[in-house]
Protein backbone atom coordinates (compact mmCIF):
# COMPACT_ATOMS: atom_id res chain seq x y z
CA MET A 1 137.55 33.32 -29.30
CA LEU A 2 135.33 36.29 -30.12
CA SER A 3 131.79 36.43 -28.83
CA THR A 4 128.89 36.39 -31.28
CA ASP A 5 126.51 39.31 -31.72
CA THR A 6 123.86 37.21 -30.00
CA ASP A 7 126.12 36.70 -26.96
CA ILE A 8 126.96 40.40 -26.79
CA LEU A 9 123.37 41.62 -27.08
CA ALA A 10 122.16 38.96 -24.61
CA ALA A 11 124.78 40.18 -22.14
CA ALA A 12 123.61 43.79 -22.61
CA GLU A 13 120.04 42.73 -21.89
CA ALA A 14 120.99 40.62 -18.86
CA TRP A 15 123.19 43.37 -17.39
CA ARG A 16 120.35 45.91 -17.74
CA ARG A 17 117.94 43.51 -16.02
CA GLU A 18 120.46 43.30 -13.17
CA GLY A 19 120.28 47.09 -12.85
CA ARG A 20 123.71 47.83 -14.31
CA GLY A 21 124.44 50.85 -16.47
CA VAL A 22 125.23 49.58 -19.97
CA ALA A 23 126.62 51.02 -23.20
CA LEU A 24 126.90 49.42 -26.62
CA ALA A 25 129.73 50.32 -29.00
CA THR A 26 129.38 49.48 -32.70
CA VAL A 27 131.88 49.83 -35.55
CA ILE A 28 130.08 52.05 -38.08
CA GLU A 29 132.85 52.75 -40.58
CA THR A 30 136.27 51.41 -41.52
CA TRP A 31 138.86 52.51 -44.04
CA GLY A 32 142.02 50.70 -45.03
CA SER A 33 143.31 48.07 -42.66
CA ALA A 34 140.94 47.55 -39.71
CA PRO A 35 140.98 44.65 -37.27
CA ARG A 36 137.17 44.31 -36.95
CA PRO A 37 134.47 44.76 -39.63
CA ILE A 38 131.56 47.18 -39.68
CA GLY A 39 128.85 45.99 -37.31
CA SER A 40 131.23 44.58 -34.69
CA HIS A 41 130.01 45.19 -31.13
CA LEU A 42 131.43 45.75 -27.66
CA VAL A 43 129.10 45.93 -24.65
CA ILE A 44 130.36 47.67 -21.52
CA ASP A 45 128.84 48.02 -18.06
CA GLY A 46 129.28 50.87 -15.59
CA GLU A 47 132.04 48.99 -13.75
CA GLY A 48 134.15 48.54 -16.90
CA ASN A 49 133.24 44.90 -17.55
CA PHE A 50 132.96 44.22 -21.27
CA LEU A 51 132.22 41.57 -23.87
CA GLY A 52 132.96 41.62 -27.60
CA SER A 53 135.42 43.61 -29.68
CA VAL A 54 135.50 46.71 -31.85
CA SER A 55 139.20 46.71 -32.61
CA GLY A 56 141.57 45.32 -30.03
CA GLY A 57 144.49 46.89 -28.29
CA CYS A 58 144.29 50.38 -26.89
CA VAL A 59 141.30 51.39 -29.02
CA GLU A 60 139.08 49.26 -26.84
CA GLY A 61 140.53 50.86 -23.72
CA ASP A 62 139.58 54.28 -25.06
CA VAL A 63 136.11 53.04 -26.07
CA ILE A 64 135.54 51.60 -22.58
CA VAL A 65 136.45 54.94 -20.98
CA GLU A 66 134.11 56.83 -23.32
CA ALA A 67 131.36 54.25 -22.70
CA GLY A 68 131.52 55.06 -18.99
CA GLU A 69 130.83 58.69 -19.84
CA VAL A 70 127.97 57.72 -22.15
CA ILE A 71 126.44 55.63 -19.35
CA ASP A 72 126.72 58.62 -16.99
CA ASP A 73 125.44 61.40 -19.26
CA GLY A 74 123.27 59.46 -21.71
CA ARG A 75 124.68 61.29 -24.73
CA PRO A 76 125.71 58.99 -27.59
CA ARG A 77 128.90 59.81 -29.44
CA VAL A 78 130.97 58.81 -32.44
CA LEU A 79 134.64 58.08 -31.81
CA GLU A 80 137.22 58.07 -34.57
CA PHE A 81 140.61 56.42 -34.51
CA GLY A 82 143.02 56.51 -37.43
CA VAL A 83 146.39 57.27 -38.89
CA ALA A 84 145.60 60.97 -39.47
CA ASP A 85 144.82 61.35 -35.79
CA GLU A 86 147.54 61.99 -33.21
CA THR A 87 146.02 59.12 -31.21
CA ALA A 88 146.78 56.61 -33.98
CA TRP A 89 149.97 55.23 -32.47
CA ARG A 90 148.71 55.44 -28.90
CA ALA A 91 145.46 53.72 -29.83
CA GLY A 92 147.19 50.97 -31.79
CA LEU A 93 146.17 51.85 -35.36
CA SER A 94 149.64 52.17 -36.78
CA CYS A 95 148.55 49.64 -39.45
CA GLY A 96 147.25 52.40 -41.71
CA GLY A 97 143.52 52.07 -41.09
CA ARG A 98 140.75 54.15 -39.62
CA ILE A 99 137.63 53.17 -37.70
CA ARG A 100 134.59 55.04 -36.43
CA VAL A 101 132.71 53.66 -33.44
CA PHE A 102 129.21 54.71 -32.30
CA VAL A 103 128.70 54.44 -28.54
CA GLU A 104 125.19 54.58 -27.05
CA ARG A 105 123.63 53.91 -23.66
CA VAL A 106 121.30 50.92 -23.43
CA ASP A 107 118.15 51.86 -21.53
């Protein structure tokens, strides 16, 4: 069962109150077949704990790694995964779609 946006944002707030580093990933664009719609969220803490979903499969693994870097350096970034990218098969987007994910630190 997927978590609701309210659950995900509440977790981000609670984790920050606990003093954890936190990043929020949001699907900002999709094209073709994509497992999660625009606006889907994934919250990640500095230890790699997460809640929510931006895609599934290996894409989320890559987003979690990037989120750790965003927590460390504070610089937001846009990640793109798709069939035109050499990471498509590795990241699990062999279905013919493309997604863009915005990752930002929660302060």
